[in-house]
Amino acid sequence: MRLQRIAVNKYTMQTFIAQCRQLLGNQFVVTEIGEMKSYLTDYRQRYTGAAIAVLKPANTKEVAAIVRLCAEHNIAIVPQGGNTGLVLGSVPEKAGRAVVLSLLRLNRIQEIDTLNNTITVDTGCVLQEIQRAADSADRLFPLSLASEGSCTIGGNLSSNAGGTSVLHYGNCRALCLGLEVVTPQGEVWNGLRGLRKDNTGYDLRDLYIGAEGTLGIITAAVLQLFAKPRSRLTAFAALSSIEAALELLHLARCNGRDAILSAFELMSRYSLNLVKKHFPELKQPNLPDSPYFVLLEFSSQEDEAVTTQALENLMILAVERQLVGDVIVATSLNQSNTIWAMRESISEAQAMEGKNIKHDISLPISTISTFIQHTDAMLQSHFKGCRMVTFGHLGDGNLHYNVSAPPDASIDDFFVHEKAINRIVYDSVAQFHGSIAAEHGLGMLKREEILRYKSAIEIDLMHSIKKALDPNNIMNPGKILLSYR
């Protein structure tokens, strides 16, 4: 059975909107199409849905009141933070039977507990503001993404974001200790506990993280903080193959006791060529023209001599084993920032070049080289001349494996083959025991695809959870699950 369609007649809608205005105030209930458009259109500007209204509550109490009102009128809710997602998880469907619940006004840093190394924040806090708040308390909040200046922690938690520091610090699940959640019935579960051990039943926190707003609305979180590293050293290396990159990763993990490998990012030559074309102001290191490059970073609680020694030891081994063609070590903060900016600019450079077919996948690290060789060859055999924008978090097996049109082809004509390209990539991911959604989620974009790759029992269990927590299917319907049983 397809997802329930929520019928909203004109009288109910008018009554509902009037009640929303009474709860939130006129200026925080948006119904004009033009004013709503940015909330209805996805980050990549490829899809625009429709909504009854955009609602902007200021706190958890108002969120709960709006949810109760939506439950009463049987109106669906699409929670939204910074709307930077890539899988259509934070925008409504085109039917226009939902409201967008913007959580940007829930933006308080509630508390920083330096003894417990935690920070408690509202869901609408922009990630970069949380990083700055932690820094002001001489602590580190390590989650780092290209969109950190606009994405919110609620969206990060809802998609279980990973980012560039996941190799050492883990993804959002690992960084979150407690949540506050508004249920589909409009009740508030206060699980804002800064505990690292709490074995008192089912882990509700982990259930809501990664659920993309389909089970409830996260309104606040307790996040882990860490001691700020005293030293960091960034290096940029040219490599001849993925196998060399994987061996370098193994050596880097085993190298040094006082310095930790905190980042290991893979970039293909074509990825960096796009950055060079669209961001010429970023002066790229002068390295051999290799097929792949790695950005790696060591950090330590000791002084810089420790990280320098760790990197020197690694490079000696790498040269002995002929793994790297050349390496540049950042000798200043400015150089380090430039190297990181190259990595973080790949997605934007792709967008400036034109549409491409994106895949956010994860694989067992041991299979990545074979996967890339196999899948690259499959794509070339079917779509000769297509260009691969391959980059990502090699240290945790997460690749952004994107496909661009051949240089002499029409992008629109190439996109006719999007489904066929997805099938090749996703079938290959499944063949190598990977996942078709690593850190972006499923949203609307992959809700049908997942039916091919999850077992029937997994899908049934997911339906059981959804039905138990949200029996009327008002929480972000049509995301993750295509049907509602």
Protein backbone atom coordinates (compact mmCIF):
# COMPACT_ATOMS: atom_id res chain seq x y z
CA MET A 1 0.00 0.00 0.00
CA ARG A 2 1.31 3.45 -0.86
CA LEU A 3 1.86 6.02 1.84
CA GLN A 4 -1.33 7.37 3.36
CA ARG A 5 -2.44 10.57 1.68
CA ILE A 6 -3.51 13.09 4.27
CA ALA A 7 -6.65 14.88 3.17
CA VAL A 8 -6.92 18.50 4.27
CA ASN A 9 -10.09 20.37 3.25
CA LYS A 10 -10.23 24.14 2.85
CA TYR A 11 -12.09 24.74 6.12
CA THR A 12 -9.69 22.59 8.11
CA MET A 13 -6.72 24.37 6.53
CA GLN A 14 -8.05 27.84 7.36
CA THR A 15 -8.80 26.80 10.92
CA PHE A 16 -5.40 25.17 11.26
CA ILE A 17 -3.53 28.22 9.96
CA ALA A 18 -5.46 30.52 12.30
CA GLN A 19 -4.54 28.29 15.26
CA CYS A 20 -0.89 28.26 14.19
CA ARG A 21 -0.85 32.06 14.06
CA GLN A 22 -2.33 32.19 17.53
CA LEU A 23 0.37 29.84 18.82
CA LEU A 24 3.42 31.33 17.07
CA GLY A 25 2.49 34.84 15.99
CA ASN A 26 1.68 36.02 12.47
CA GLN A 27 5.29 36.62 11.40
CA PHE A 28 6.25 33.02 12.16
CA VAL A 29 3.56 31.43 9.98
CA VAL A 30 4.46 31.76 6.29
CA THR A 31 1.85 30.93 3.65
CA GLU A 32 2.91 33.04 0.65
CA ILE A 33 4.35 30.82 -2.10
CA GLY A 34 7.22 33.16 -2.88
CA GLU A 35 8.29 33.40 0.76
CA MET A 36 8.06 29.63 1.18
CA LYS A 37 10.08 28.68 -1.90
CA SER A 38 13.51 28.45 -0.25
CA TYR A 39 12.05 26.07 2.33
CA LEU A 40 10.43 23.91 -0.36
CA THR A 41 13.44 23.61 -2.68
CA ASP A 42 16.29 21.22 -2.00
CA TYR A 43 19.93 22.28 -1.62
CA ARG A 44 20.86 21.19 -5.17
CA GLN A 45 17.94 23.16 -6.66
CA ARG A 46 16.63 20.06 -8.41
CA TYR A 47 13.30 19.60 -6.65
CA THR A 48 10.59 21.89 -5.27
CA GLY A 49 7.75 20.51 -3.19
CA ALA A 50 4.61 22.17 -1.86
CA ALA A 51 3.34 22.91 1.63
CA ILE A 52 0.37 24.35 3.47
CA ALA A 53 2.69 26.65 5.42
CA VAL A 54 6.15 27.10 6.86
CA LEU A 55 6.00 27.25 10.65
CA LYS A 56 8.80 28.72 12.78
CA PRO A 57 8.55 27.79 16.47
CA ALA A 58 10.97 29.34 18.96
CA ASN A 59 11.30 26.56 21.55
CA THR A 60 10.41 22.99 22.43
CA LYS A 61 7.10 24.01 24.00
CA GLU A 62 5.98 25.61 20.74
CA VAL A 63 7.18 22.62 18.71
CA ALA A 64 5.13 20.28 20.91
CA ALA A 65 2.05 22.51 20.62
CA ILE A 66 2.34 22.58 16.82
CA VAL A 67 2.77 18.81 16.66
CA ARG A 68 -0.35 18.30 18.79
CA LEU A 69 -2.24 20.64 16.48
CA CYS A 70 -1.03 18.77 13.39
CA ALA A 71 -2.00 15.45 14.99
CA GLU A 72 -5.47 16.82 15.73
CA HIS A 73 -5.96 17.94 12.11
CA ASN A 74 -4.09 14.96 10.62
CA ILE A 75 -1.56 17.22 8.88
CA ALA A 76 1.91 15.94 8.04
CA ILE A 77 5.10 17.61 9.32
CA VAL A 78 8.43 17.98 7.52
CA PRO A 79 11.09 19.01 10.07
CA GLN A 80 13.81 21.21 8.59
CA GLY A 81 17.08 22.68 9.79
CA GLY A 82 19.55 24.31 7.41
CA ASN A 83 18.07 22.42 4.42
CA THR A 84 21.52 21.37 3.21
CA GLY A 85 20.64 17.70 2.69
CA LEU A 86 21.26 15.96 -0.64
CA VAL A 87 18.57 13.23 -0.67
CA LEU A 88 15.33 15.27 -0.47
CA GLY A 89 14.86 14.44 3.19
CA SER A 90 14.09 17.94 4.43
CA VAL A 91 11.64 19.18 1.78
CA PRO A 92 7.97 18.23 1.38
CA GLU A 93 6.48 16.20 -1.43
CA LYS A 94 4.56 17.95 -4.21
CA ALA A 95 1.11 16.98 -2.87
CA GLY A 96 1.05 20.05 -0.61
CA ARG A 97 -0.54 18.30 2.36
CA ALA A 98 2.24 18.99 4.87
CA VAL A 99 3.74 21.86 6.79
CA VAL A 100 7.46 22.58 6.93
CA LEU A 101 8.55 22.98 10.54
CA SER A 102 11.65 25.19 10.43
CA LEU A 103 13.74 24.74 13.57
CA LEU A 104 16.20 27.59 12.93
CA ARG A 105 14.83 29.68 15.82
CA LEU A 106 15.76 26.91 18.28
CA ASN A 107 19.37 28.08 18.35
CA ARG A 108 20.53 28.38 21.96
CA ILE A 109 23.75 27.02 23.38
CA GLN A 110 22.14 25.85 26.60
CA GLU A 111 25.14 24.75 28.66
CA ILE A 112 28.81 23.86 28.45
CA ASP A 113 30.02 21.45 31.12
CA THR A 114 33.82 21.43 30.96
CA LEU A 115 34.18 18.86 33.74
CA ASN A 116 31.88 16.42 31.94
CA ASN A 117 33.16 17.52 28.53
CA THR A 118 29.68 18.09 27.13
CA ILE A 119 27.74 20.85 25.42
CA THR A 120 23.93 21.00 25.42
CA VAL A 121 22.42 22.76 22.41
CA ASP A 122 19.13 23.42 20.68
CA THR A 123 18.49 21.56 17.45
CA GLY A 124 18.63 24.68 15.27
CA CYS A 125 22.17 25.62 16.25
CA VAL A 126 24.40 25.94 13.20
CA LEU A 127 27.27 23.45 13.41
CA GLN A 128 29.93 26.14 13.10
CA GLU A 129 28.46 28.01 16.10
CA ILE A 130 28.74 24.86 18.21
CA GLN A 131 32.37 24.47 17.13
CA ARG A 132 33.04 28.09 18.14
CA ALA A 133 31.29 27.71 21.49
CA ALA A 134 33.39 24.64 22.24
CA ASP A 135 36.54 26.47 21.20
CA SER A 136 35.71 29.38 23.51
CA ALA A 137 35.66 26.88 26.38
CA ASP A 138 39.04 25.47 25.27
CA ARG A 139 37.38 22.32 23.97
CA LEU A 140 36.87 20.67 20.59
CA PHE A 141 33.61 19.58 19.00
CA PRO A 142 35.07 17.53 16.14
CA LEU A 143 32.16 17.15 13.71
CA SER A 144 33.26 19.00 10.55
CA LEU A 145 31.45 19.22 7.20
CA ALA A 146 31.72 21.36 4.09
CA SER A 147 28.30 22.85 4.93
CA GLU A 148 29.13 23.58 8.59
CA GLY A 149 28.43 27.28 8.14
CA SER A 150 24.75 26.61 7.36
CA CYS A 151 23.80 23.05 8.40
CA THR A 152 22.22 22.58 11.83
CA ILE A 153 22.96 19.99 14.47
CA GLY A 154 19.39 18.70 14.21
CA GLY A 155 19.92 17.86 10.56
CA ASN A 156 23.34 16.37 11.34
CA LEU A 157 21.79 14.09 13.96
CA SER A 158 18.80 13.19 11.80
CA SER A 159 21.10 11.96 9.03
CA ASN A 160 23.81 10.63 11.38
CA ALA A 161 26.38 12.83 9.64
CA GLY A 162 30.01 11.75 9.55
CA GLY A 163 32.34 14.36 8.09
CA THR A 164 36.10 14.58 7.91
CA SER A 165 36.95 13.76 11.55
CA VAL A 166 34.98 10.53 11.83
CA LEU A 167 38.14 8.44 11.52
CA HIS A 168 39.13 9.24 15.11
CA TYR A 169 36.06 10.78 16.75
CA GLY A 170 33.20 8.86 15.12
CA ASN A 171 29.93 9.99 13.51
CA CYS A 172 27.00 11.79 15.12
CA ARG A 173 25.85 8.71 17.02
CA ALA A 174 29.25 8.48 18.66
CA LEU A 175 29.30 12.20 19.47
CA CYS A 176 25.81 12.43 21.00
CA LEU A 177 25.07 11.41 24.61
CA GLY A 178 21.46 12.54 24.98
CA LEU A 179 18.44 13.95 23.14
CA GLU A 180 15.24 15.84 23.70
CA VAL A 181 12.54 14.73 21.26
CA VAL A 182 8.95 15.75 20.54
CA THR A 183 6.96 12.63 19.71
CA PRO A 184 4.31 12.39 16.95
CA GLN A 185 1.71 12.76 19.70
CA GLY A 186 3.19 16.09 20.82
CA GLU A 187 4.74 14.76 24.02
CA VAL A 188 8.28 15.68 25.03
CA TRP A 189 10.83 13.00 25.88
CA ASN A 190 13.63 14.59 27.86
CA GLY A 191 16.65 12.39 27.43
CA LEU A 192 19.22 15.17 27.85
CA ARG A 193 21.53 13.07 29.98
CA GLY A 194 25.26 13.56 29.71
CA LEU A 195 25.99 9.94 30.53
CA ARG A 196 28.51 7.75 28.76
CA LYS A 197 27.07 4.62 30.35
CA ASP A 198 23.32 4.13 30.71
CA ASN A 199 22.16 0.56 30.25
CA THR A 200 18.55 1.00 31.40
CA GLY A 201 16.63 -0.39 28.47
CA TYR A 202 16.24 0.29 24.76
CA ASP A 203 18.52 3.00 23.42
CA LEU A 204 15.95 5.53 22.23
CA ARG A 205 18.66 8.06 21.46
CA ASP A 206 20.18 5.87 18.77
CA LEU A 207 16.73 5.16 17.35
CA TYR A 208 16.06 8.83 16.62
CA ILE A 209 19.56 9.56 15.31
CA GLY A 210 19.58 8.77 11.59
CA ALA A 211 15.77 8.54 11.40
CA GLU A 212 15.49 11.69 9.26
CA GLY A 213 12.62 13.08 11.31
CA THR A 214 10.31 10.15 10.55
CA LEU A 215 9.89 9.06 14.19
CA GLY A 216 9.90 12.36 16.07
CA ILE A 217 11.46 15.82 16.12
CA ILE A 218 14.82 16.29 17.82
CA THR A 219 14.71 19.62 19.68
CA ALA A 220 17.95 19.51 21.74
CA ALA A 221 21.04 17.38 22.22
CA VAL A 222 23.90 16.73 24.64
CA LEU A 223 27.11 16.40 22.64
CA GLN A 224 30.56 15.21 23.60
CA LEU A 225 33.48 17.61 23.73
CA PHE A 226 37.17 16.75 23.61
CA ALA A 227 40.44 18.29 24.63
CA LYS A 228 41.80 20.55 21.89
CA PRO A 229 44.89 19.07 20.27
CA ARG A 230 48.03 21.02 21.11
CA SER A 231 49.44 20.32 17.67
CA ARG A 232 48.17 19.37 14.24
CA LEU A 233 50.08 18.60 11.09
CA THR A 234 48.48 18.42 7.66
CA ALA A 235 50.09 16.71 4.67
CA PHE A 236 49.09 16.24 1.04
CA ALA A 237 50.45 13.23 -0.85
CA ALA A 238 50.35 12.07 -4.46
CA LEU A 239 49.70 8.36 -5.03
CA SER A 240 49.62 6.08 -8.03
CA SER A 241 46.67 3.90 -6.98
CA ILE A 242 43.94 3.20 -4.44
CA GLU A 243 45.99 0.21 -3.25
CA ALA A 244 48.83 2.58 -2.37
CA ALA A 245 46.39 4.84 -0.52
CA LEU A 246 45.04 1.91 1.50
CA GLU A 247 48.53 0.72 2.42
CA LEU A 248 49.44 4.27 3.44
CA LEU A 249 46.30 4.36 5.59
CA HIS A 250 47.33 1.13 7.31
CA LEU A 251 50.82 2.47 8.00
CA ALA A 252 49.45 5.79 9.27
CA ARG A 253 47.14 4.05 11.73
CA CYS A 254 49.98 1.97 13.11
CA ASN A 255 52.51 4.79 13.19
CA GLY A 256 53.23 6.64 16.41
CA ARG A 257 51.87 6.26 19.92
CA ASP A 258 51.50 9.88 20.99
CA ALA A 259 50.07 11.21 17.71
CA ILE A 260 46.74 10.10 16.28
CA LEU A 261 45.62 9.94 12.67
CA SER A 262 42.65 12.31 12.77
CA ALA A 263 41.87 12.60 9.04
CA PHE A 264 42.58 10.64 5.86
CA GLU A 265 40.78 12.02 2.81
CA LEU A 266 40.99 10.62 -0.72
CA MET A 267 40.67 12.80 -3.84
CA SER A 268 40.91 11.84 -7.49
CA ARG A 269 42.83 13.99 -9.96
CA TYR A 270 39.62 14.96 -11.76
CA SER A 271 38.09 16.14 -8.45
CA LEU A 272 41.02 18.50 -7.91
CA ASN A 273 40.96 19.62 -11.54
CA LEU A 274 37.41 20.85 -10.97
CA VAL A 275 38.54 22.77 -7.89
CA LYS A 276 41.45 24.27 -9.81
CA LYS A 277 39.09 25.37 -12.61
CA HIS A 278 36.42 26.94 -10.42
CA PHE A 279 38.55 28.10 -7.47
CA PRO A 280 41.79 29.34 -9.07
CA GLU A 281 42.51 31.42 -5.97
CA LEU A 282 43.25 28.19 -4.07
CA LYS A 283 46.88 27.59 -4.99
CA GLN A 284 47.19 23.82 -5.20
CA PRO A 285 50.45 22.18 -4.10
CA ASN A 286 52.89 21.47 -6.91
CA LEU A 287 52.81 17.67 -6.96
CA PRO A 288 53.20 15.07 -9.74
CA ASP A 289 50.18 14.49 -11.95
CA SER A 290 48.96 11.40 -10.11
CA PRO A 291 45.56 9.69 -10.38
CA TYR A 292 44.89 10.03 -6.64
CA PHE A 293 45.83 12.27 -3.74
CA VAL A 294 45.42 11.94 0.00
CA LEU A 295 45.02 14.63 2.64
CA LEU A 296 46.10 13.27 5.99
CA GLU A 297 46.32 14.90 9.37
CA PHE A 298 48.04 13.92 12.59
CA SER A 299 47.09 15.57 15.89
CA SER A 300 48.43 15.23 19.40
CA GLN A 301 48.12 16.50 22.95
CA GLU A 302 51.89 16.85 22.85
CA ASP A 303 53.85 19.61 21.12
CA GLU A 304 54.47 19.84 17.39
CA ALA A 305 57.63 17.78 17.56
CA VAL A 306 55.49 14.70 18.23
CA THR A 307 53.25 15.15 15.18
CA THR A 308 56.27 16.02 13.04
CA GLN A 309 58.04 12.84 14.10
CA ALA A 310 54.94 10.74 13.41
CA LEU A 311 54.64 12.15 9.91
CA GLU A 312 58.37 11.78 9.21
CA ASN A 313 58.29 8.14 10.32
CA LEU A 314 55.28 7.50 8.09
CA MET A 315 56.86 9.12 5.04
CA ILE A 316 60.10 7.16 5.46
CA LEU A 317 58.12 3.93 5.36
CA ALA A 318 55.94 5.17 2.49
CA VAL A 319 58.96 6.08 0.35
CA GLU A 320 60.66 2.78 1.14
CA ARG A 321 57.57 0.95 -0.08
CA GLN A 322 57.13 3.27 -3.07
CA LEU A 323 53.63 4.30 -2.00
CA VAL A 324 53.85 8.05 -2.56
CA GLY A 325 55.09 10.00 -5.54
CA ASP A 326 55.63 13.15 -3.49
CA VAL A 327 54.27 14.83 -0.39
CA ILE A 328 53.76 18.41 0.78
CA VAL A 329 53.63 19.16 4.50
CA ALA A 330 51.84 22.34 5.57
CA THR A 331 54.31 24.60 7.34
CA SER A 332 51.76 27.19 8.42
CA LEU A 333 48.11 27.43 9.43
CA ASN A 334 47.41 29.23 6.16
CA GLN A 335 48.85 26.35 4.11
CA SER A 336 46.88 23.82 6.14
CA ASN A 337 43.67 25.81 5.62
CA THR A 338 44.34 25.96 1.87
CA ILE A 339 44.78 22.19 1.66
CA TRP A 340 41.55 21.64 3.59
CA ALA A 341 39.75 24.23 1.45
CA MET A 342 40.69 22.22 -1.64
CA ARG A 343 39.04 19.16 -0.17
CA GLU A 344 35.95 21.02 1.04
CA SER A 345 35.48 22.83 -2.29
CA ILE A 346 35.04 19.68 -4.38
CA SER A 347 31.26 19.52 -3.96
CA GLU A 348 30.79 23.18 -4.85
CA ALA A 349 33.14 22.86 -7.82
CA GLN A 350 31.05 19.96 -9.10
CA ALA A 351 27.91 22.08 -8.85
CA MET A 352 29.59 24.93 -10.75
CA GLU A 353 30.68 22.52 -13.48
CA GLY A 354 27.12 21.24 -13.94
CA LYS A 355 24.85 18.49 -12.73
CA ASN A 356 26.37 15.16 -11.85
CA ILE A 357 25.00 11.88 -10.58
CA LYS A 358 25.92 11.58 -6.91
CA HIS A 359 26.47 8.45 -4.85
CA ASP A 360 27.18 8.54 -1.11
CA ILE A 361 28.29 4.99 -0.40
CA SER A 362 30.24 3.03 2.17
CA LEU A 363 32.24 -0.15 1.75
CA PRO A 364 34.49 -2.40 3.81
CA ILE A 365 37.82 -0.62 3.48
CA SER A 366 39.47 -3.82 2.23
CA THR A 367 37.17 -3.89 -0.83
CA ILE A 368 37.40 -0.26 -1.95
CA SER A 369 40.16 -0.69 -4.52
CA THR A 370 38.47 -3.65 -6.21
CA PHE A 371 35.11 -1.88 -6.10
CA ILE A 372 36.47 1.23 -7.83
CA GLN A 373 38.28 -0.78 -10.52
CA HIS A 374 35.24 -2.97 -11.17
CA THR A 375 32.63 -0.21 -11.14
CA ASP A 376 34.70 2.29 -13.12
CA ALA A 377 35.10 -0.35 -15.82
CA MET A 378 31.38 -1.17 -15.81
CA LEU A 379 30.42 2.48 -16.18
CA GLN A 380 32.94 3.06 -18.98
CA SER A 381 31.68 0.02 -20.87
CA HIS A 382 28.12 1.36 -20.82
CA PHE A 383 28.75 5.13 -20.85
CA LYS A 384 32.05 5.67 -22.60
CA GLY A 385 33.88 8.83 -21.59
CA CYS A 386 31.95 9.48 -18.37
CA ARG A 387 34.13 11.19 -15.77
CA MET A 388 34.45 9.98 -12.20
CA VAL A 389 34.50 12.47 -9.34
CA THR A 390 35.74 10.11 -6.63
CA PHE A 391 36.60 11.48 -3.21
CA GLY A 392 35.74 10.98 0.42
CA HIS A 393 36.59 9.66 3.83
CA LEU A 394 38.77 6.70 2.93
CA GLY A 395 39.61 6.06 6.57
CA ASP A 396 36.05 4.95 7.34
CA GLY A 397 35.14 3.50 3.93
CA ASN A 398 32.83 6.36 2.89
CA LEU A 399 33.16 7.38 -0.76
CA HIS A 400 31.45 10.14 -2.70
CA TYR A 401 31.43 8.28 -5.99
CA ASN A 402 29.96 10.74 -8.47
CA VAL A 403 29.57 10.45 -12.23
CA SER A 404 29.82 13.39 -14.65
CA ALA A 405 28.93 13.47 -18.33
CA PRO A 406 31.64 12.98 -20.97
CA PRO A 407 33.24 16.32 -21.94
CA ASP A 408 31.54 16.43 -25.35
CA ALA A 409 28.10 15.26 -24.18
CA SER A 410 24.99 17.21 -23.25
CA ILE A 411 24.45 17.05 -19.49
CA ASP A 412 20.69 16.78 -19.94
CA ASP A 413 21.10 13.94 -22.44
CA PHE A 414 23.47 12.19 -20.03
CA PHE A 415 20.97 12.50 -17.18
CA VAL A 416 18.49 10.40 -19.14
CA HIS A 417 20.69 7.49 -18.04
CA GLU A 418 20.64 8.38 -14.32
CA LYS A 419 18.62 5.33 -13.27
CA ALA A 420 20.79 2.98 -15.29
CA ILE A 421 23.96 4.50 -13.79
CA ASN A 422 22.52 4.22 -10.30
CA ARG A 423 21.70 0.58 -10.90
CA ILE A 424 25.26 -0.22 -11.95
CA VAL A 425 26.74 1.59 -8.94
CA TYR A 426 24.29 0.31 -6.35
CA ASP A 427 24.39 -3.28 -7.57
CA SER A 428 28.17 -3.11 -7.38
CA VAL A 429 27.99 -1.67 -3.85
CA ALA A 430 25.76 -4.57 -2.84
CA GLN A 431 28.12 -7.07 -4.51
CA PHE A 432 30.94 -5.75 -2.33
CA HIS A 433 28.77 -5.81 0.84
CA GLY A 434 28.47 -2.05 1.16
CA SER A 435 25.70 0.50 1.77
CA ILE A 436 24.09 2.83 -0.76
CA ALA A 437 23.69 5.54 1.92
CA ALA A 438 26.65 6.36 4.13
CA GLU A 439 26.15 9.82 5.66
CA HIS A 440 23.48 11.58 3.58
CA GLY A 441 20.55 9.32 4.43
CA LEU A 442 17.78 7.96 2.20
CA GLY A 443 15.19 10.75 2.09
CA MET A 444 12.91 10.58 -0.93
CA LEU A 445 15.77 10.02 -3.32
CA LYS A 446 16.68 6.47 -2.27
CA ARG A 447 13.50 5.22 -0.61
CA GLU A 448 12.71 2.91 -3.54
CA GLU A 449 16.30 1.84 -4.14
CA ILE A 450 16.69 0.53 -0.60
CA LEU A 451 13.96 -2.05 -1.20
CA ARG A 452 16.36 -3.88 -3.53
CA TYR A 453 19.19 -4.07 -1.02
CA LYS A 454 17.64 -4.58 2.41
CA SER A 455 16.14 -7.92 3.34
CA ALA A 456 12.39 -8.27 3.77
CA ILE A 457 12.81 -8.73 7.50
CA GLU A 458 14.80 -5.48 7.81
CA ILE A 459 12.10 -3.57 5.95
CA ASP A 460 9.38 -5.20 8.07
CA LEU A 461 11.19 -4.25 11.29
CA MET A 462 11.54 -0.67 10.11
CA HIS A 463 7.83 -0.55 9.31
CA SER A 464 7.02 -1.95 12.74
CA ILE A 465 9.03 0.78 14.45
CA LYS A 466 7.46 3.51 12.31
CA LYS A 467 3.95 2.25 12.94
CA ALA A 468 4.51 1.87 16.68
CA LEU A 469 5.87 5.40 17.15
CA ASP A 470 3.97 7.27 14.41
CA PRO A 471 0.75 5.30 13.75
CA ASN A 472 -0.87 8.18 11.84
CA ASN A 473 2.18 8.72 9.64
CA ILE A 474 2.43 12.48 10.16
CA MET A 475 6.22 12.60 10.71
CA ASN A 476 8.02 13.34 7.44
CA PRO A 477 5.96 10.84 5.42
CA GLY A 478 7.49 9.51 2.24
CA LYS A 479 11.06 9.65 3.57
CA ILE A 480 13.11 6.48 4.12
CA LEU A 481 10.07 4.23 3.67
CA LEU A 482 8.15 4.28 0.40
CA SER A 483 5.07 2.53 1.76
CA TYR A 484 3.25 2.53 5.10
CA ARG A 485 1.80 -0.74 6.31
